[in-house]
């Protein structure tokens, strides 16, 4: 992997879980380390996507509340569209 630096994480897990991980890794033809790294990366990506989506939602909610509290005046295009809509109702 080129210039990737590696660090070590030591974890403790119950023996049944360790055995399950070893079996799953073997069935995929992977080392336990590769299997664990892959699963941890998937979990980390999922968590980061959820957090970032929530942050966008909170930011967008704040923007929406701001627009509702301080609505912009209708522009020329909106006034023209409203007039066309009113005229269609009279026909």
PDB file of N, CA and C in Angstrom:
ATOM      1  N   UNK A   1       0.807  -1.197   0.000  1.00  0.00           N
ATOM      2  CA  UNK A   1       0.000   0.000   0.000  1.00  0.00           C
ATOM      3  C   UNK A   1       0.849   1.260   0.000  1.00  0.00           C
ATOM      4  N   UNK A   2       1.938   1.275  -0.674  1.00  0.00           N
ATOM      5  CA  UNK A   2       2.738   2.480  -0.828  1.00  0.00           C
ATOM      6  C   UNK A   2       3.279   3.004   0.478  1.00  0.00           C
ATOM      7  N   UNK A   3       3.013   4.271   0.737  1.00  0.00           N
ATOM      8  CA  UNK A   3       3.557   4.957   1.918  1.00  0.00           C
ATOM      9  C   UNK A   3       2.602   4.956   3.098  1.00  0.00           C
ATOM     10  N   UNK A   4       1.696   4.012   3.159  1.00  0.00           N
ATOM     11  CA  UNK A   4       0.756   3.953   4.275  1.00  0.00           C
ATOM     12  C   UNK A   4       1.504   3.526   5.530  1.00  0.00           C
ATOM     13  N   UNK A   5       1.286   4.260   6.585  1.00  0.00           N
ATOM     14  CA  UNK A   5       1.885   3.889   7.874  1.00  0.00           C
ATOM     15  C   UNK A   5       0.894   3.039   8.639  1.00  0.00           C
ATOM     16  N   UNK A   6       1.391   2.083   9.348  1.00  0.00           N
ATOM     17  CA  UNK A   6       0.536   1.170  10.101  1.00  0.00           C
ATOM     18  C   UNK A   6       0.743   1.392  11.588  1.00  0.00           C
ATOM     19  N   UNK A   7      -0.325   1.199  12.330  1.00  0.00           N
ATOM     20  CA  UNK A   7      -0.233   1.225  13.787  1.00  0.00           C
ATOM     21  C   UNK A   7      -0.978   0.005  14.308  1.00  0.00           C
ATOM     22  N   UNK A   8      -0.777  -0.277  15.562  1.00  0.00           N
ATOM     23  CA  UNK A   8      -1.336  -1.484  16.141  1.00  0.00           C
ATOM     24  C   UNK A   8      -2.470  -1.139  17.092  1.00  0.00           C
ATOM     25  N   UNK A   9      -3.537  -1.911  17.002  1.00  0.00           N
ATOM     26  CA  UNK A   9      -4.653  -1.815  17.942  1.00  0.00           C
ATOM     27  C   UNK A   9      -4.786  -3.190  18.583  1.00  0.00           C
ATOM     28  N   UNK A  10      -4.809  -3.228  19.891  1.00  0.00           N
ATOM     29  CA  UNK A  10      -4.984  -4.494  20.603  1.00  0.00           C
ATOM     30  C   UNK A  10      -6.400  -4.520  21.154  1.00  0.00           C
ATOM     31  N   UNK A  11      -7.116  -5.570  20.852  1.00  0.00           N
ATOM     32  CA  UNK A  11      -8.487  -5.691  21.362  1.00  0.00           C
ATOM     33  C   UNK A  11      -8.656  -7.033  22.072  1.00  0.00           C
ATOM     34  N   UNK A  12      -9.556  -7.059  22.990  1.00  0.00           N
ATOM     35  CA  UNK A  12      -9.927  -8.307  23.655  1.00  0.00           C
ATOM     36  C   UNK A  12     -11.340  -8.637  23.204  1.00  0.00           C
ATOM     37  N   UNK A  13     -11.563  -9.895  22.942  1.00  0.00           N
ATOM     38  CA  UNK A  13     -12.899 -10.338  22.570  1.00  0.00           C
ATOM     39  C   UNK A  13     -13.131 -11.715  23.173  1.00  0.00           C
ATOM     40  N   UNK A  14     -14.384 -12.048  23.404  1.00  0.00           N
ATOM     41  CA  UNK A  14     -14.685 -13.382  23.948  1.00  0.00           C
ATOM     42  C   UNK A  14     -14.208 -14.460  22.970  1.00  0.00           C
ATOM     43  N   UNK A  15     -13.818 -15.597  23.504  1.00  0.00           N
ATOM     44  CA  UNK A  15     -13.343 -16.702  22.667  1.00  0.00           C
ATOM     45  C   UNK A  15     -14.340 -17.076  21.564  1.00  0.00           C
ATOM     46  N   UNK A  16     -15.650 -17.147  21.852  1.00  0.00           N
ATOM     47  CA  UNK A  16     -16.577 -17.503  20.768  1.00  0.00           C
ATOM     48  C   UNK A  16     -16.548 -16.497  19.617  1.00  0.00           C
ATOM     49  N   UNK A  17     -16.392 -15.221  19.925  1.00  0.00           N
ATOM     50  CA  UNK A  17     -16.320 -14.208  18.876  1.00  0.00           C
ATOM     51  C   UNK A  17     -15.025 -14.356  18.084  1.00  0.00           C
ATOM     52  N   UNK A  18     -13.926 -14.605  18.784  1.00  0.00           N
ATOM     53  CA  UNK A  18     -12.645 -14.802  18.101  1.00  0.00           C
ATOM     54  C   UNK A  18     -12.734 -15.967  17.138  1.00  0.00           C
ATOM     55  N   UNK A  19     -13.346 -17.031  17.575  1.00  0.00           N
ATOM     56  CA  UNK A  19     -13.500 -18.212  16.721  1.00  0.00           C
ATOM     57  C   UNK A  19     -14.368 -17.895  15.503  1.00  0.00           C
ATOM     58  N   UNK A  20     -15.432 -17.150  15.723  1.00  0.00           N
ATOM     59  CA  UNK A  20     -16.330 -16.773  14.623  1.00  0.00           C
ATOM     60  C   UNK A  20     -15.608 -15.903  13.608  1.00  0.00           C
ATOM     61  N   UNK A  21     -14.807 -14.956  14.099  1.00  0.00           N
ATOM     62  CA  UNK A  21     -14.044 -14.081  13.208  1.00  0.00           C
ATOM     63  C   UNK A  21     -13.045 -14.889  12.399  1.00  0.00           C
ATOM     64  N   UNK A  22     -12.361 -15.809  13.048  1.00  0.00           N
ATOM     65  CA  UNK A  22     -11.395 -16.657  12.347  1.00  0.00           C
ATOM     66  C   UNK A  22     -12.072 -17.482  11.254  1.00  0.00           C
ATOM     67  N   UNK A  23     -13.236 -18.024  11.566  1.00  0.00           N
ATOM     68  CA  UNK A  23     -13.981 -18.812  10.570  1.00  0.00           C
ATOM     69  C   UNK A  23     -14.403 -17.940   9.389  1.00  0.00           C
ATOM     70  N   UNK A  24     -14.934 -16.781   9.682  1.00  0.00           N
ATOM     71  CA  UNK A  24     -15.390 -15.882   8.616  1.00  0.00           C
ATOM     72  C   UNK A  24     -14.224 -15.459   7.733  1.00  0.00           C
ATOM     73  N   UNK A  25     -13.103 -15.122   8.345  1.00  0.00           N
ATOM     74  CA  UNK A  25     -11.921 -14.725   7.582  1.00  0.00           C
ATOM     75  C   UNK A  25     -11.451 -15.875   6.697  1.00  0.00           C
ATOM     76  N   UNK A  26     -11.411 -17.065   7.243  1.00  0.00           N
ATOM     77  CA  UNK A  26     -10.963 -18.233   6.475  1.00  0.00           C
ATOM     78  C   UNK A  26     -11.895 -18.490   5.292  1.00  0.00           C
ATOM     79  N   UNK A  27     -13.191 -18.372   5.504  1.00  0.00           N
ATOM     80  CA  UNK A  27     -14.150 -18.598   4.420  1.00  0.00           C
ATOM     81  C   UNK A  27     -13.991 -17.578   3.300  1.00  0.00           C
ATOM     82  N   UNK A  28     -13.514 -16.409   3.632  1.00  0.00           N
ATOM     83  CA  UNK A  28     -13.277 -15.377   2.617  1.00  0.00           C
ATOM     84  C   UNK A  28     -11.859 -15.430   2.064  1.00  0.00           C
ATOM     85  N   UNK A  29     -11.061 -16.340   2.594  1.00  0.00           N
ATOM     86  CA  UNK A  29      -9.680 -16.447   2.131  1.00  0.00           C
ATOM     87  C   UNK A  29      -8.832 -15.274   2.572  1.00  0.00           C
ATOM     88  N   UNK A  30      -9.128 -14.751   3.739  1.00  0.00           N
ATOM     89  CA  UNK A  30      -8.434 -13.561   4.239  1.00  0.00           C
ATOM     90  C   UNK A  30      -7.741 -13.888   5.550  1.00  0.00           C
ATOM     91  N   UNK A  31      -6.765 -13.053   5.893  1.00  0.00           N
ATOM     92  CA  UNK A  31      -6.202 -13.151   7.230  1.00  0.00           C
ATOM     93  C   UNK A  31      -7.199 -12.516   8.197  1.00  0.00           C
ATOM     94  N   UNK A  32      -7.043 -12.862   9.463  1.00  0.00           N
ATOM     95  CA  UNK A  32      -7.921 -12.259  10.469  1.00  0.00           C
ATOM     96  C   UNK A  32      -7.734 -10.743  10.482  1.00  0.00           C
ATOM     97  N   UNK A  33      -6.502 -10.298  10.377  1.00  0.00           N
ATOM     98  CA  UNK A  33      -6.233  -8.850  10.369  1.00  0.00           C
ATOM     99  C   UNK A  33      -6.920  -8.172   9.186  1.00  0.00           C
ATOM    100  N   UNK A  34      -6.798  -8.754   8.002  1.00  0.00           N
ATOM    101  CA  UNK A  34      -7.447  -8.164   6.823  1.00  0.00           C
ATOM    102  C   UNK A  34      -8.957  -8.146   6.986  1.00  0.00           C
ATOM    103  N   UNK A  35      -9.501  -9.226   7.506  1.00  0.00           N
ATOM    104  CA  UNK A  35     -10.949  -9.308   7.712  1.00  0.00           C
ATOM    105  C   UNK A  35     -11.405  -8.229   8.694  1.00  0.00           C
ATOM    106  N   UNK A  36     -10.718  -8.140   9.830  1.00  0.00           N
ATOM    107  CA  UNK A  36     -11.091  -7.149  10.844  1.00  0.00           C
ATOM    108  C   UNK A  36     -10.946  -5.734  10.289  1.00  0.00           C
ATOM    109  N   UNK A  37      -9.830  -5.463   9.594  1.00  0.00           N
ATOM    110  CA  UNK A  37      -9.644  -4.126   9.018  1.00  0.00           C
ATOM    111  C   UNK A  37     -10.765  -3.783   8.042  1.00  0.00           C
ATOM    112  N   UNK A  38     -11.147  -4.730   7.201  1.00  0.00           N
ATOM    113  CA  UNK A  38     -12.228  -4.494   6.246  1.00  0.00           C
ATOM    114  C   UNK A  38     -13.545  -4.192   6.936  1.00  0.00           C
ATOM    115  N   UNK A  39     -13.870  -4.987   7.963  1.00  0.00           N
ATOM    116  CA  UNK A  39     -15.125  -4.775   8.682  1.00  0.00           C
ATOM    117  C   UNK A  39     -15.106  -3.462   9.456  1.00  0.00           C
ATOM    118  N   UNK A  40     -13.967  -3.140  10.054  1.00  0.00           N
ATOM    119  CA  UNK A  40     -13.865  -1.868  10.774  1.00  0.00           C
ATOM    120  C   UNK A  40     -13.987  -0.682   9.830  1.00  0.00           C
ATOM    121  N   UNK A  41     -13.407  -0.797   8.648  1.00  0.00           N
ATOM    122  CA  UNK A  41     -13.520   0.294   7.680  1.00  0.00           C
ATOM    123  C   UNK A  41     -14.963   0.490   7.237  1.00  0.00           C
ATOM    124  N   UNK A  42     -15.666  -0.621   6.988  1.00  0.00           N
ATOM    125  CA  UNK A  42     -17.087  -0.515   6.620  1.00  0.00           C
ATOM    126  C   UNK A  42     -17.892   0.155   7.729  1.00  0.00           C
ATOM    127  N   UNK A  43     -17.657  -0.265   8.966  1.00  0.00           N
ATOM    128  CA  UNK A  43     -18.387   0.314  10.099  1.00  0.00           C
ATOM    129  C   UNK A  43     -18.046   1.800  10.266  1.00  0.00           C
ATOM    130  N   UNK A  44     -16.774   2.139  10.106  1.00  0.00           N
ATOM    131  CA  UNK A  44     -16.362   3.543  10.241  1.00  0.00           C
ATOM    132  C   UNK A  44     -16.986   4.393   9.137  1.00  0.00           C
ATOM    133  N   UNK A  45     -16.970   3.893   7.895  1.00  0.00           N
ATOM    134  CA  UNK A  45     -17.576   4.632   6.780  1.00  0.00           C
ATOM    135  C   UNK A  45     -19.062   4.856   7.023  1.00  0.00           C
ATOM    136  N   UNK A  46     -19.749   3.806   7.486  1.00  0.00           N
ATOM    137  CA  UNK A  46     -21.192   3.900   7.766  1.00  0.00           C
ATOM    138  C   UNK A  46     -21.456   4.953   8.840  1.00  0.00           C
ATOM    139  N   UNK A  47     -20.678   4.910   9.909  1.00  0.00           N
ATOM    140  CA  UNK A  47     -20.847   5.877  10.998  1.00  0.00           C
ATOM    141  C   UNK A  47     -20.595   7.298  10.516  1.00  0.00           C
ATOM    142  N   UNK A  48     -19.511   7.487   9.766  1.00  0.00           N
ATOM    143  CA  UNK A  48     -19.191   8.833   9.274  1.00  0.00           C
ATOM    144  C   UNK A  48     -20.260   9.360   8.329  1.00  0.00           C
ATOM    145  N   UNK A  49     -20.802   8.495   7.451  1.00  0.00           N
ATOM    146  CA  UNK A  49     -21.880   8.933   6.549  1.00  0.00           C
ATOM    147  C   UNK A  49     -23.096   9.379   7.346  1.00  0.00           C
ATOM    148  N   UNK A  50     -23.465   8.600   8.369  1.00  0.00           N
ATOM    149  CA  UNK A  50     -24.637   8.947   9.179  1.00  0.00           C
ATOM    150  C   UNK A  50     -24.433  10.267   9.916  1.00  0.00           C
ATOM    151  N   UNK A  51     -23.249  10.446  10.489  1.00  0.00           N
ATOM    152  CA  UNK A  51     -22.966  11.684  11.226  1.00  0.00           C
ATOM    153  C   UNK A  51     -22.977  12.872  10.279  1.00  0.00           C
ATOM    154  N   UNK A  52     -22.329  12.724   9.126  1.00  0.00           N
ATOM    155  CA  UNK A  52     -22.284  13.836   8.166  1.00  0.00           C
ATOM    156  C   UNK A  52     -23.668  14.160   7.636  1.00  0.00           C
ATOM    157  N   UNK A  53     -24.489  13.145   7.401  1.00  0.00           N
ATOM    158  CA  UNK A  53     -25.856  13.393   6.933  1.00  0.00           C
ATOM    159  C   UNK A  53     -26.641  14.147   7.998  1.00  0.00           C
ATOM    160  N   UNK A  54     -26.449  13.787   9.247  1.00  0.00           N
ATOM    161  CA  UNK A  54     -27.140  14.474  10.339  1.00  0.00           C
ATOM    162  C   UNK A  54     -26.673  15.918  10.423  1.00  0.00           C
ATOM    163  N   UNK A  55     -25.381  16.159  10.261  1.00  0.00           N
ATOM    164  CA  UNK A  55     -24.868  17.523  10.301  1.00  0.00           C
ATOM    165  C   UNK A  55     -25.464  18.357   9.180  1.00  0.00           C
ATOM    166  N   UNK A  56     -25.567  17.791   7.984  1.00  0.00           N
ATOM    167  CA  UNK A  56     -26.182  18.519   6.881  1.00  0.00           C
ATOM    168  C   UNK A  56     -27.639  18.816   7.204  1.00  0.00           C
ATOM    169  N   UNK A  57     -28.322  17.844   7.783  1.00  0.00           N
ATOM    170  CA  UNK A  57     -29.721  18.033   8.122  1.00  0.00           C
ATOM    171  C   UNK A  57     -29.875  19.165   9.134  1.00  0.00           C
ATOM    172  N   UNK A  58     -29.023  19.192  10.141  1.00  0.00           N
ATOM    173  CA  UNK A  58     -29.096  20.252  11.143  1.00  0.00           C
ATOM    174  C   UNK A  58     -28.789  21.609  10.514  1.00  0.00           C
ATOM    175  N   UNK A  59     -27.788  21.660   9.634  1.00  0.00           N
ATOM    176  CA  UNK A  59     -27.438  22.917   8.962  1.00  0.00           C
ATOM    177  C   UNK A  59     -28.585  23.367   8.070  1.00  0.00           C
ATOM    178  N   UNK A  60     -29.154  22.423   7.315  1.00  0.00           N
ATOM    179  CA  UNK A  60     -30.253  22.762   6.421  1.00  0.00           C
ATOM    180  C   UNK A  60     -31.486  23.190   7.211  1.00  0.00           C
ATOM    181  N   UNK A  61     -31.724  22.557   8.350  1.00  0.00           N
ATOM    182  CA  UNK A  61     -32.859  22.949   9.191  1.00  0.00           C
ATOM    183  C   UNK A  61     -32.692  24.383   9.687  1.00  0.00           C
ATOM    184  N   UNK A  62     -31.486  24.720  10.083  1.00  0.00           N
ATOM    185  CA  UNK A  62     -31.223  26.088  10.546  1.00  0.00           C
ATOM    186  C   UNK A  62     -31.442  27.085   9.410  1.00  0.00           C
ATOM    187  N   UNK A  63     -30.998  26.717   8.203  1.00  0.00           N
ATOM    188  CA  UNK A  63     -31.185  27.613   7.055  1.00  0.00           C
ATOM    189  C   UNK A  63     -32.671  27.774   6.743  1.00  0.00           C
ATOM    190  N   UNK A  64     -33.427  26.679   6.808  1.00  0.00           N
ATOM    191  CA  UNK A  64     -34.863  26.743   6.536  1.00  0.00           C
ATOM    192  C   UNK A  64     -35.562  27.616   7.576  1.00  0.00           C
ATOM    193  N   UNK A  65     -35.242  27.421   8.838  1.00  0.00           N
ATOM    194  CA  UNK A  65     -35.850  28.246   9.884  1.00  0.00           C
ATOM    195  C   UNK A  65     -35.521  29.720   9.683  1.00  0.00           C
ATOM    196  N   UNK A  66     -34.305  29.997   9.269  1.00  0.00           N
ATOM    197  CA  UNK A  66     -33.915  31.377   9.003  1.00  0.00           C
ATOM    198  C   UNK A  66     -34.732  31.957   7.849  1.00  0.00           C
ATOM    199  N   UNK A  67     -34.907  31.181   6.785  1.00  0.00           N
ATOM    200  CA  UNK A  67     -35.697  31.659   5.639  1.00  0.00           C
ATOM    201  C   UNK A  67     -37.157  31.858   6.020  1.00  0.00           C
ATOM    202  N   UNK A  68     -37.699  30.973   6.869  1.00  0.00           N
ATOM    203  CA  UNK A  68     -39.092  31.129   7.297  1.00  0.00           C
ATOM    204  C   UNK A  68     -39.268  32.344   8.198  1.00  0.00           C
ATOM    205  N   UNK A  69     -38.265  32.610   9.019  1.00  0.00           N
ATOM    206  CA  UNK A  69     -38.330  33.759   9.922  1.00  0.00           C
ATOM    207  C   UNK A  69     -38.137  35.074   9.185  1.00  0.00           C
ATOM    208  N   UNK A  70     -37.353  35.039   8.108  1.00  0.00           N
ATOM    209  CA  UNK A  70     -37.044  36.248   7.337  1.00  0.00           C
ATOM    210  C   UNK A  70     -37.287  35.972   5.853  1.00  0.00           C
ATOM    211  N   UNK A  71     -38.554  35.808   5.469  1.00  0.00           N
ATOM    212  CA  UNK A  71     -38.811  35.426   4.069  1.00  0.00           C
ATOM    213  C   UNK A  71     -38.402  36.523   3.090  1.00  0.00           C
ATOM    214  N   UNK A  72     -37.895  36.082   1.950  1.00  0.00           N
ATOM    215  CA  UNK A  72     -37.514  37.025   0.890  1.00  0.00           C
ATOM    216  C   UNK A  72     -38.784  37.525   0.206  1.00  0.00           C
ATOM    217  N   UNK A  73     -38.714  38.724  -0.324  1.00  0.00           N
ATOM    218  CA  UNK A  73     -39.843  39.272  -1.082  1.00  0.00           C
ATOM    219  C   UNK A  73     -39.946  38.515  -2.395  1.00  0.00           C
ATOM    220  N   UNK A  74     -41.164  38.321  -2.922  1.00  0.00           N
ATOM    221  CA  UNK A  74     -41.308  37.633  -4.209  1.00  0.00           C
ATOM    222  C   UNK A  74     -40.586  38.404  -5.321  1.00  0.00           C
ATOM    223  N   UNK A  75     -39.822  37.674  -6.140  1.00  0.00           N
ATOM    224  CA  UNK A  75     -39.137  38.329  -7.255  1.00  0.00           C
ATOM    225  C   UNK A  75     -40.084  38.421  -8.450  1.00  0.00           C
ATOM    226  N   UNK A  76     -39.623  39.027  -9.532  1.00  0.00           N
ATOM    227  CA  UNK A  76     -40.463  39.265 -10.707  1.00  0.00           C
ATOM    228  C   UNK A  76     -40.973  37.949 -11.301  1.00  0.00           C
ATOM    229  N   UNK A  77     -40.128  36.945 -11.371  1.00  0.00           N
ATOM    230  CA  UNK A  77     -40.537  35.661 -11.949  1.00  0.00           C
ATOM    231  C   UNK A  77     -41.650  35.029 -11.131  1.00  0.00           C
ATOM    232  N   UNK A  78     -41.554  35.100  -9.805  1.00  0.00           N
ATOM    233  CA  UNK A  78     -42.591  34.521  -8.951  1.00  0.00           C
ATOM    234  C   UNK A  78     -43.897  35.299  -9.070  1.00  0.00           C
ATOM    235  N   UNK A  79     -43.807  36.624  -9.119  1.00  0.00           N
ATOM    236  CA  UNK A  79     -45.030  37.419  -9.290  1.00  0.00           C
ATOM    237  C   UNK A  79     -45.695  37.101 -10.623  1.00  0.00           C
ATOM    238  N   UNK A  80     -44.911  36.936 -11.677  1.00  0.00           N
ATOM    239  CA  UNK A  80     -45.454  36.619 -13.004  1.00  0.00           C
ATOM    240  C   UNK A  80     -46.128  35.235 -12.989  1.00  0.00           C
ATOM    241  N   UNK A  81     -45.480  34.265 -12.338  1.00  0.00           N
ATOM    242  CA  UNK A  81     -46.051  32.917 -12.248  1.00  0.00           C
ATOM    243  C   UNK A  81     -47.356  32.937 -11.455  1.00  0.00           C
ATOM    244  N   UNK A  82     -47.415  33.713 -10.390  1.00  0.00           N
ATOM    245  CA  UNK A  82     -48.635  33.813  -9.585  1.00  0.00           C
ATOM    246  C   UNK A  82     -49.756  34.431 -10.402  1.00  0.00           C
ATOM    247  N   UNK A  83     -49.437  35.424 -11.204  1.00  0.00           N
ATOM    248  CA  UNK A  83     -50.453  36.060 -12.057  1.00  0.00           C
ATOM    249  C   UNK A  83     -50.982  35.062 -13.081  1.00  0.00           C
ATOM    250  N   UNK A  84     -50.082  34.272 -13.676  1.00  0.00           N
ATOM    251  CA  UNK A  84     -50.526  33.260 -14.641  1.00  0.00           C
ATOM    252  C   UNK A  84     -51.430  32.235 -13.963  1.00  0.00           C
ATOM    253  N   UNK A  85     -51.096  31.848 -12.750  1.00  0.00           N
ATOM    254  CA  UNK A  85     -51.904  30.887 -12.010  1.00  0.00           C
ATOM    255  C   UNK A  85     -53.284  31.450 -11.725  1.00  0.00           C
ATOM    256  N   UNK A  86     -53.338  32.703 -11.282  1.00  0.00           N
ATOM    257  CA  UNK A  86     -54.640  33.345 -10.994  1.00  0.00           C
ATOM    258  C   UNK A  86     -55.470  33.428 -12.275  1.00  0.00           C
ATOM    259  N   UNK A  87     -54.821  33.796 -13.381  1.00  0.00           N
ATOM    260  CA  UNK A  87     -55.549  33.938 -14.657  1.00  0.00           C
ATOM    261  C   UNK A  87     -56.115  32.593 -15.119  1.00  0.00           C
ATOM    262  N   UNK A  88     -55.423  31.489 -14.866  1.00  0.00           N
ATOM    263  CA  UNK A  88     -55.922  30.164 -15.278  1.00  0.00           C
ATOM    264  C   UNK A  88     -57.175  29.798 -14.512  1.00  0.00           C
ATOM    265  N   UNK A  89     -57.285  30.270 -13.288  1.00  0.00           N
ATOM    266  CA  UNK A  89     -58.470  29.990 -12.475  1.00  0.00           C
ATOM    267  C   UNK A  89     -59.693  30.740 -12.941  1.00  0.00           C
ATOM    268  N   UNK A  90     -59.500  31.823 -13.667  1.00  0.00           N
ATOM    269  CA  UNK A  90     -60.631  32.638 -14.147  1.00  0.00           C
ATOM    270  C   UNK A  90     -61.163  32.135 -15.466  1.00  0.00           C
ATOM    271  N   UNK A  91     -60.398  31.315 -16.163  1.00  0.00           N
ATOM    272  CA  UNK A  91     -60.810  30.877 -17.513  1.00  0.00           C
ATOM    273  C   UNK A  91     -61.879  29.815 -17.482  1.00  0.00           C
TER     274      UNK A  91
END
